[in-house]
Full PDB file with SEQRES, HELIX, SHEET, SSBOND, CRYST1, ORIGX, SCALE, CONECT and MASTER records, all heavy atoms in Angstrom:
SEQRES   1 A   31  VAL GLN PRO GLU GLY SER GLY GLU VAL ARG PHE ALA VAL          
SEQRES   2 A   31  SER ASP THR GLY ILE GLY ILE PRO GLN GLU LEU HIS GLY          
SEQRES   3 A   31  ASN LEU PHE GLU ASP                                          
HELIX    1 AA1 GLN A   22  ASN A   27  5                                   6    
SHEET    1 AA1 2 GLN A   2  PRO A   3  0                                        
SHEET    2 AA1 2 VAL A   9  ARG A  10 -1                                        
CRYST1    1.000    1.000    1.000  90.00  90.00  90.00 P 1           1          
ORIGX1      1.000000  0.000000  0.000000        0.00000                         
ORIGX2      0.000000  1.000000  0.000000        0.00000                         
ORIGX3      0.000000  0.000000  1.000000        0.00000                         
SCALE1      1.000000  0.000000  0.000000        0.00000                         
SCALE2      0.000000  1.000000  0.000000        0.00000                         
SCALE3      0.000000  0.000000  1.000000        0.00000                         
ATOM      1  N   VAL A   1      -4.836  -8.049 -28.928  1.00  0.00           N  
ATOM      2  CA  VAL A   1      -3.965  -7.417 -29.931  1.00  0.00           C  
ATOM      3  C   VAL A   1      -4.573  -6.079 -30.286  1.00  0.00           C  
ATOM      4  O   VAL A   1      -5.809  -5.961 -30.335  1.00  0.00           O  
ATOM      5  CB  VAL A   1      -3.787  -8.290 -31.114  1.00  0.00           C  
ATOM      6  CG1 VAL A   1      -5.098  -8.585 -31.847  1.00  0.00           C  
ATOM      7  CG2 VAL A   1      -2.832  -7.679 -32.180  1.00  0.00           C  
ATOM      8  N   GLN A   2      -3.706  -5.056 -30.484  1.00  0.00           N  
ATOM      9  CA  GLN A   2      -4.185  -3.707 -30.875  1.00  0.00           C  
ATOM     10  C   GLN A   2      -3.058  -3.037 -31.604  1.00  0.00           C  
ATOM     11  O   GLN A   2      -1.904  -3.379 -31.552  1.00  0.00           O  
ATOM     12  CB  GLN A   2      -4.562  -2.935 -29.647  1.00  0.00           C  
ATOM     13  CG  GLN A   2      -3.440  -2.696 -28.691  1.00  0.00           C  
ATOM     14  CD  GLN A   2      -3.856  -2.007 -27.419  1.00  0.00           C  
ATOM     15  OE1 GLN A   2      -4.957  -2.158 -26.977  1.00  0.00           O  
ATOM     16  NE2 GLN A   2      -2.946  -1.251 -26.805  1.00  0.00           N  
ATOM     17  N   PRO A   3      -3.414  -1.990 -32.404  1.00  0.00           N  
ATOM     18  CA  PRO A   3      -2.434  -1.229 -33.148  1.00  0.00           C  
ATOM     19  C   PRO A   3      -1.442  -0.555 -32.155  1.00  0.00           C  
ATOM     20  O   PRO A   3      -1.870  -0.144 -31.065  1.00  0.00           O  
ATOM     21  CB  PRO A   3      -3.265  -0.211 -33.924  1.00  0.00           C  
ATOM     22  CG  PRO A   3      -4.620  -0.778 -33.963  1.00  0.00           C  
ATOM     23  CD  PRO A   3      -4.810  -1.489 -32.700  1.00  0.00           C  
ATOM     24  N   GLU A   4      -0.264  -0.358 -32.563  1.00  0.00           N  
ATOM     25  CA  GLU A   4       0.762   0.319 -31.748  1.00  0.00           C  
ATOM     26  C   GLU A   4       1.550   1.294 -32.630  1.00  0.00           C  
ATOM     27  O   GLU A   4       2.396   0.860 -33.408  1.00  0.00           O  
ATOM     28  CB  GLU A   4       1.698  -0.708 -31.143  1.00  0.00           C  
ATOM     29  CG  GLU A   4       2.812  -0.137 -30.274  1.00  0.00           C  
ATOM     30  CD  GLU A   4       2.315   0.314 -28.877  1.00  0.00           C  
ATOM     31  OE1 GLU A   4       1.203  -0.048 -28.504  1.00  0.00           O  
ATOM     32  OE2 GLU A   4       3.077   1.030 -28.172  1.00  0.00           O  
ATOM     33  N   GLY A   5       1.175   2.547 -32.528  1.00  0.00           N  
ATOM     34  CA  GLY A   5       1.858   3.540 -33.337  1.00  0.00           C  
ATOM     35  C   GLY A   5       1.604   3.309 -34.850  1.00  0.00           C  
ATOM     36  O   GLY A   5       0.559   2.882 -35.232  1.00  0.00           O  
ATOM     37  N   SER A   6       2.606   3.684 -35.641  1.00  0.00           N  
ATOM     38  CA  SER A   6       2.435   3.538 -37.066  1.00  0.00           C  
ATOM     39  C   SER A   6       3.184   2.277 -37.609  1.00  0.00           C  
ATOM     40  O   SER A   6       4.331   2.112 -37.458  1.00  0.00           O  
ATOM     41  CB  SER A   6       3.079   4.786 -37.764  1.00  0.00           C  
ATOM     42  OG  SER A   6       3.118   4.648 -39.118  1.00  0.00           O  
ATOM     43  N   GLY A   7       2.340   1.400 -38.135  1.00  0.00           N  
ATOM     44  CA  GLY A   7       2.905   0.194 -38.744  1.00  0.00           C  
ATOM     45  C   GLY A   7       3.265  -0.901 -37.817  1.00  0.00           C  
ATOM     46  O   GLY A   7       4.053  -1.794 -38.198  1.00  0.00           O  
ATOM     47  N   GLU A   8       2.802  -0.895 -36.545  1.00  0.00           N  
ATOM     48  CA  GLU A   8       3.151  -1.950 -35.597  1.00  0.00           C  
ATOM     49  C   GLU A   8       1.847  -2.426 -34.934  1.00  0.00           C  
ATOM     50  O   GLU A   8       0.810  -1.718 -34.883  1.00  0.00           O  
ATOM     51  CB  GLU A   8       4.097  -1.442 -34.561  1.00  0.00           C  
ATOM     52  CG  GLU A   8       5.519  -1.148 -35.085  1.00  0.00           C  
ATOM     53  CD  GLU A   8       6.454  -0.694 -33.986  1.00  0.00           C  
ATOM     54  OE1 GLU A   8       5.997   0.031 -33.096  1.00  0.00           O  
ATOM     55  OE2 GLU A   8       7.600  -1.103 -34.041  1.00  0.00           O  
ATOM     56  N   VAL A   9       1.936  -3.626 -34.338  1.00  0.00           N  
ATOM     57  CA  VAL A   9       0.792  -4.179 -33.554  1.00  0.00           C  
ATOM     58  C   VAL A   9       1.469  -4.617 -32.217  1.00  0.00           C  
ATOM     59  O   VAL A   9       2.602  -5.054 -32.105  1.00  0.00           O  
ATOM     60  CB  VAL A   9       0.150  -5.314 -34.281  1.00  0.00           C  
ATOM     61  CG1 VAL A   9      -0.614  -4.856 -35.453  1.00  0.00           C  
ATOM     62  CG2 VAL A   9       1.108  -6.432 -34.652  1.00  0.00           C  
ATOM     63  N   ARG A  10       0.569  -4.669 -31.165  1.00  0.00           N  
ATOM     64  CA  ARG A  10       0.990  -5.037 -29.829  1.00  0.00           C  
ATOM     65  C   ARG A  10       0.119  -6.218 -29.416  1.00  0.00           C  
ATOM     66  O   ARG A  10      -1.049  -6.093 -29.152  1.00  0.00           O  
ATOM     67  CB  ARG A  10       0.828  -3.874 -28.884  1.00  0.00           C  
ATOM     68  CG  ARG A  10       1.208  -4.154 -27.463  1.00  0.00           C  
ATOM     69  CD  ARG A  10       0.914  -2.867 -26.588  1.00  0.00           C  
ATOM     70  NE  ARG A  10       1.477  -2.864 -25.264  1.00  0.00           N  
ATOM     71  CZ  ARG A  10       0.840  -3.293 -24.199  1.00  0.00           C  
ATOM     72  NH1 ARG A  10      -0.392  -3.781 -24.335  1.00  0.00           N  
ATOM     73  NH2 ARG A  10       1.443  -3.245 -23.027  1.00  0.00           N  
ATOM     74  N   PHE A  11       0.752  -7.348 -29.187  1.00  0.00           N  
ATOM     75  CA  PHE A  11       0.113  -8.528 -28.650  1.00  0.00           C  
ATOM     76  C   PHE A  11       0.393  -8.518 -27.128  1.00  0.00           C  
ATOM     77  O   PHE A  11       1.564  -8.364 -26.701  1.00  0.00           O  
ATOM     78  CB  PHE A  11       0.634  -9.812 -29.277  1.00  0.00           C  
ATOM     79  CG  PHE A  11       0.219 -10.027 -30.695  1.00  0.00           C  
ATOM     80  CD1 PHE A  11       0.991  -9.503 -31.719  1.00  0.00           C  
ATOM     81  CD2 PHE A  11      -0.960 -10.744 -30.974  1.00  0.00           C  
ATOM     82  CE1 PHE A  11       0.619  -9.740 -33.044  1.00  0.00           C  
ATOM     83  CE2 PHE A  11      -1.323 -10.960 -32.296  1.00  0.00           C  
ATOM     84  CZ  PHE A  11      -0.522 -10.473 -33.317  1.00  0.00           C  
ATOM     85  N   ALA A  12      -0.653  -8.710 -26.320  1.00  0.00           N  
ATOM     86  CA  ALA A  12      -0.487  -8.715 -24.870  1.00  0.00           C  
ATOM     87  C   ALA A  12      -1.145  -9.910 -24.216  1.00  0.00           C  
ATOM     88  O   ALA A  12      -2.214 -10.369 -24.663  1.00  0.00           O  
ATOM     89  CB  ALA A  12      -1.050  -7.420 -24.248  1.00  0.00           C  
ATOM     90  N   VAL A  13      -0.522 -10.473 -23.174  1.00  0.00           N  
ATOM     91  CA  VAL A  13      -1.059 -11.527 -22.367  1.00  0.00           C  
ATOM     92  C   VAL A  13      -1.112 -11.066 -20.948  1.00  0.00           C  
ATOM     93  O   VAL A  13      -0.099 -10.832 -20.317  1.00  0.00           O  
ATOM     94  CB  VAL A  13      -0.223 -12.845 -22.483  1.00  0.00           C  
ATOM     95  CG1 VAL A  13      -0.799 -13.909 -21.582  1.00  0.00           C  
ATOM     96  CG2 VAL A  13      -0.169 -13.320 -23.946  1.00  0.00           C  
ATOM     97  N   SER A  14      -2.337 -10.785 -20.458  1.00  0.00           N  
ATOM     98  CA  SER A  14      -2.512 -10.260 -19.113  1.00  0.00           C  
ATOM     99  C   SER A  14      -3.101 -11.314 -18.205  1.00  0.00           C  
ATOM    100  O   SER A  14      -3.976 -12.135 -18.633  1.00  0.00           O  
ATOM    101  CB  SER A  14      -3.455  -9.060 -19.161  1.00  0.00           C  
ATOM    102  OG  SER A  14      -2.964  -8.035 -20.011  1.00  0.00           O  
ATOM    103  N   ASP A  15      -2.681 -11.314 -16.953  1.00  0.00           N  
ATOM    104  CA  ASP A  15      -3.196 -12.314 -16.020  1.00  0.00           C  
ATOM    105  C   ASP A  15      -3.551 -11.680 -14.656  1.00  0.00           C  
ATOM    106  O   ASP A  15      -3.233 -10.480 -14.477  1.00  0.00           O  
ATOM    107  CB  ASP A  15      -2.168 -13.459 -15.763  1.00  0.00           C  
ATOM    108  CG  ASP A  15      -0.888 -12.965 -15.133  1.00  0.00           C  
ATOM    109  OD1 ASP A  15      -0.934 -12.421 -14.081  1.00  0.00           O  
ATOM    110  OD2 ASP A  15       0.198 -13.147 -15.768  1.00  0.00           O  
ATOM    111  N   THR A  16      -4.214 -12.414 -13.842  1.00  0.00           N  
ATOM    112  CA  THR A  16      -4.567 -11.987 -12.465  1.00  0.00           C  
ATOM    113  C   THR A  16      -3.759 -12.740 -11.448  1.00  0.00           C  
ATOM    114  O   THR A  16      -4.229 -13.042 -10.366  1.00  0.00           O  
ATOM    115  CB  THR A  16      -6.058 -12.200 -12.213  1.00  0.00           C  
ATOM    116  OG1 THR A  16      -6.421 -13.549 -12.440  1.00  0.00           O  
ATOM    117  CG2 THR A  16      -6.889 -11.333 -13.158  1.00  0.00           C  
ATOM    118  N   GLY A  17      -2.486 -12.994 -11.826  1.00  0.00           N  
ATOM    119  CA  GLY A  17      -1.631 -13.843 -10.990  1.00  0.00           C  
ATOM    120  C   GLY A  17      -0.929 -13.072  -9.923  1.00  0.00           C  
ATOM    121  O   GLY A  17      -1.328 -11.996  -9.440  1.00  0.00           O  
ATOM    122  N   ILE A  18       0.234 -13.607  -9.474  1.00  0.00           N  
ATOM    123  CA  ILE A  18       0.960 -13.127  -8.318  1.00  0.00           C  
ATOM    124  C   ILE A  18       1.641 -11.798  -8.534  1.00  0.00           C  
ATOM    125  O   ILE A  18       1.943 -11.096  -7.651  1.00  0.00           O  
ATOM    126  CB  ILE A  18       1.976 -14.192  -7.784  1.00  0.00           C  
ATOM    127  CG1 ILE A  18       2.976 -14.492  -8.896  1.00  0.00           C  
ATOM    128  CG2 ILE A  18       1.229 -15.436  -7.371  1.00  0.00           C  
ATOM    129  CD1 ILE A  18       4.098 -15.428  -8.418  1.00  0.00           C  
ATOM    130  N   GLY A  19       1.925 -11.452  -9.822  1.00  0.00           N  
ATOM    131  CA  GLY A  19       2.620 -10.210 -10.078  1.00  0.00           C  
ATOM    132  C   GLY A  19       4.122 -10.351  -9.837  1.00  0.00           C  
ATOM    133  O   GLY A  19       4.618 -11.301  -9.252  1.00  0.00           O  
ATOM    134  N   ILE A  20       4.866  -9.331 -10.331  1.00  0.00           N  
ATOM    135  CA  ILE A  20       6.355  -9.350 -10.285  1.00  0.00           C  
ATOM    136  C   ILE A  20       6.824  -7.982  -9.774  1.00  0.00           C  
ATOM    137  O   ILE A  20       6.431  -6.978 -10.263  1.00  0.00           O  
ATOM    138  CB  ILE A  20       6.925  -9.604 -11.699  1.00  0.00           C  
ATOM    139  CG1 ILE A  20       6.369 -10.912 -12.263  1.00  0.00           C  
ATOM    140  CG2 ILE A  20       8.466  -9.659 -11.620  1.00  0.00           C  
ATOM    141  CD1 ILE A  20       6.686 -11.084 -13.701  1.00  0.00           C  
ATOM    142  N   PRO A  21       7.694  -7.940  -8.781  1.00  0.00           N  
ATOM    143  CA  PRO A  21       8.226  -6.679  -8.252  1.00  0.00           C  
ATOM    144  C   PRO A  21       8.975  -5.932  -9.349  1.00  0.00           C  
ATOM    145  O   PRO A  21       9.586  -6.496 -10.214  1.00  0.00           O  
ATOM    146  CB  PRO A  21       9.196  -7.141  -7.126  1.00  0.00           C  
ATOM    147  CG  PRO A  21       8.722  -8.495  -6.732  1.00  0.00           C  
ATOM    148  CD  PRO A  21       8.163  -9.108  -7.986  1.00  0.00           C  
ATOM    149  N   GLN A  22       8.862  -4.567  -9.290  1.00  0.00           N  
ATOM    150  CA  GLN A  22       9.473  -3.742 -10.307  1.00  0.00           C  
ATOM    151  C   GLN A  22      10.992  -3.912 -10.426  1.00  0.00           C  
ATOM    152  O   GLN A  22      11.538  -3.958 -11.529  1.00  0.00           O  
ATOM    153  CB  GLN A  22       9.175  -2.272  -9.901  1.00  0.00           C  
ATOM    154  CG  GLN A  22       9.795  -1.237 -10.880  1.00  0.00           C  
ATOM    155  CD  GLN A  22       9.111  -1.206 -12.202  1.00  0.00           C  
ATOM    156  OE1 GLN A  22       7.936  -1.470 -12.276  1.00  0.00           O  
ATOM    157  NE2 GLN A  22       9.872  -1.016 -13.277  1.00  0.00           N  
ATOM    158  N   GLU A  23      11.672  -4.196  -9.318  1.00  0.00           N  
ATOM    159  CA  GLU A  23      13.156  -4.368  -9.409  1.00  0.00           C  
ATOM    160  C   GLU A  23      13.575  -5.602 -10.156  1.00  0.00           C  
ATOM    161  O   GLU A  23      14.759  -5.706 -10.481  1.00  0.00           O  
ATOM    162  CB  GLU A  23      13.737  -4.344  -7.997  1.00  0.00           C  
ATOM    163  CG  GLU A  23      13.244  -5.485  -7.050  1.00  0.00           C  
ATOM    164  CD  GLU A  23      12.056  -5.122  -6.221  1.00  0.00           C  
ATOM    165  OE1 GLU A  23      11.350  -4.160  -6.625  1.00  0.00           O  
ATOM    166  OE2 GLU A  23      11.758  -5.779  -5.243  1.00  0.00           O  
ATOM    167  N   LEU A  24      12.656  -6.535 -10.391  1.00  0.00           N  
ATOM    168  CA  LEU A  24      12.980  -7.765 -11.109  1.00  0.00           C  
ATOM    169  C   LEU A  24      12.733  -7.641 -12.617  1.00  0.00           C  
ATOM    170  O   LEU A  24      13.101  -8.491 -13.421  1.00  0.00           O  
ATOM    171  CB  LEU A  24      12.218  -8.944 -10.550  1.00  0.00           C  
ATOM    172  CG  LEU A  24      12.534  -9.264  -9.058  1.00  0.00           C  
ATOM    173  CD1 LEU A  24      11.675 -10.495  -8.663  1.00  0.00           C  
ATOM    174  CD2 LEU A  24      14.013  -9.555  -8.836  1.00  0.00           C  
ATOM    175  N   HIS A  25      12.026  -6.554 -13.039  1.00  0.00           N  
ATOM    176  CA  HIS A  25      11.589  -6.486 -14.451  1.00  0.00           C  
ATOM    177  C   HIS A  25      12.818  -6.455 -15.422  1.00  0.00           C  
ATOM    178  O   HIS A  25      12.732  -7.032 -16.503  1.00  0.00           O  
ATOM    179  CB  HIS A  25      10.739  -5.240 -14.666  1.00  0.00           C  
ATOM    180  CG  HIS A  25       9.415  -5.295 -14.043  1.00  0.00           C  
ATOM    181  ND1 HIS A  25       8.437  -4.341 -14.186  1.00  0.00           N  
ATOM    182  CD2 HIS A  25       8.886  -6.198 -13.137  1.00  0.00           C  
ATOM    183  CE1 HIS A  25       7.363  -4.678 -13.516  1.00  0.00           C  
ATOM    184  NE2 HIS A  25       7.602  -5.777 -12.873  1.00  0.00           N  
ATOM    185  N   GLY A  26      13.854  -5.768 -15.018  1.00  0.00           N  
ATOM    186  CA  GLY A  26      14.992  -5.625 -15.933  1.00  0.00           C  
ATOM    187  C   GLY A  26      15.710  -6.901 -16.322  1.00  0.00           C  
ATOM    188  O   GLY A  26      16.352  -6.976 -17.334  1.00  0.00           O  
ATOM    189  N   ASN A  27      15.615  -7.923 -15.448  1.00  0.00           N  
ATOM    190  CA  ASN A  27      16.345  -9.192 -15.713  1.00  0.00           C  
ATOM    191  C   ASN A  27      15.490 -10.285 -16.262  1.00  0.00           C  
ATOM    192  O   ASN A  27      16.001 -11.394 -16.528  1.00  0.00           O  
ATOM    193  CB  ASN A  27      17.064  -9.665 -14.435  1.00  0.00           C  
ATOM    194  CG  ASN A  27      18.123  -8.693 -13.926  1.00  0.00           C  
ATOM    195  OD1 ASN A  27      18.794  -8.027 -14.741  1.00  0.00           O  
ATOM    196  ND2 ASN A  27      18.287  -8.578 -12.647  1.00  0.00           N  
ATOM    197  N   LEU A  28      14.159 -10.077 -16.361  1.00  0.00           N  
ATOM    198  CA  LEU A  28      13.276 -11.161 -16.694  1.00  0.00           C  
ATOM    199  C   LEU A  28      13.605 -11.803 -18.040  1.00  0.00           C  
ATOM    200  O   LEU A  28      13.355 -12.999 -18.190  1.00  0.00           O  
ATOM    201  CB  LEU A  28      11.830 -10.643 -16.704  1.00  0.00           C  
ATOM    202  CG  LEU A  28      11.138 -10.490 -15.375  1.00  0.00           C  
ATOM    203  CD1 LEU A  28       9.756  -9.889 -15.538  1.00  0.00           C  
ATOM    204  CD2 LEU A  28      11.039 -11.859 -14.676  1.00  0.00           C  
ATOM    205  N   PHE A  29      14.064 -11.035 -18.962  1.00  0.00           N  
ATOM    206  CA  PHE A  29      14.252 -11.515 -20.345  1.00  0.00           C  
ATOM    207  C   PHE A  29      15.710 -11.943 -20.585  1.00  0.00           C  
ATOM    208  O   PHE A  29      16.137 -12.102 -21.716  1.00  0.00           O  
ATOM    209  CB  PHE A  29      13.844 -10.523 -21.371  1.00  0.00           C  
ATOM    210  CG  PHE A  29      12.374 -10.227 -21.318  1.00  0.00           C  
ATOM    211  CD1 PHE A  29      11.867  -9.133 -20.593  1.00  0.00           C  
ATOM    212  CD2 PHE A  29      11.483 -11.007 -21.998  1.00  0.00           C  
ATOM    213  CE1 PHE A  29      10.473  -8.871 -20.579  1.00  0.00           C  
ATOM    214  CE2 PHE A  29      10.090 -10.791 -21.975  1.00  0.00           C  
ATOM    215  CZ  PHE A  29       9.625  -9.688 -21.239  1.00  0.00           C  
ATOM    216  N   GLU A  30      16.486 -12.180 -19.507  1.00  0.00           N  
ATOM    217  CA  GLU A  30      17.854 -12.627 -19.608  1.00  0.00           C  
ATOM    218  C   GLU A  30      17.877 -14.195 -19.535  1.00  0.00           C  
ATOM    219  O   GLU A  30      16.953 -14.802 -18.999  1.00  0.00           O  
ATOM    220  CB  GLU A  30      18.752 -12.033 -18.559  1.00  0.00           C  
ATOM    221  CG  GLU A  30      18.813 -10.544 -18.555  1.00  0.00           C  
ATOM    222  CD  GLU A  30      19.311  -9.973 -19.880  1.00  0.00           C  
ATOM    223  OE1 GLU A  30      20.262 -10.564 -20.400  1.00  0.00           O  
ATOM    224  OE2 GLU A  30      18.818  -8.978 -20.358  1.00  0.00           O  
ATOM    225  N   ASP A  31      18.956 -14.811 -20.108  1.00  0.00           N  
ATOM    226  CA  ASP A  31      19.081 -16.245 -20.055  1.00  0.00           C  
ATOM    227  C   ASP A  31      19.098 -16.816 -18.675  1.00  0.00           C  
ATOM    228  O   ASP A  31      19.784 -16.266 -17.759  1.00  0.00           O  
ATOM    229  CB  ASP A  31      20.404 -16.673 -20.768  1.00  0.00           C  
ATOM    230  CG  ASP A  31      20.333 -16.381 -22.257  1.00  0.00           C  
ATOM    231  OD1 ASP A  31      19.213 -16.110 -22.779  1.00  0.00           O  
ATOM    232  OD2 ASP A  31      21.428 -16.396 -22.912  1.00  0.00           O  
TER     233      ASP A  31                                                      
MASTER        0    0    0    1    2    0    0    6  232    1    0    3          
END                                                                             
């Protein structure tokens, strides 16, 4: 966790796994 700009914080979870192609990033958070 680290500060992000003014009045915000950024929680991050990083892994050394298989990774995800860039073209799939846009749909990852859809139902």
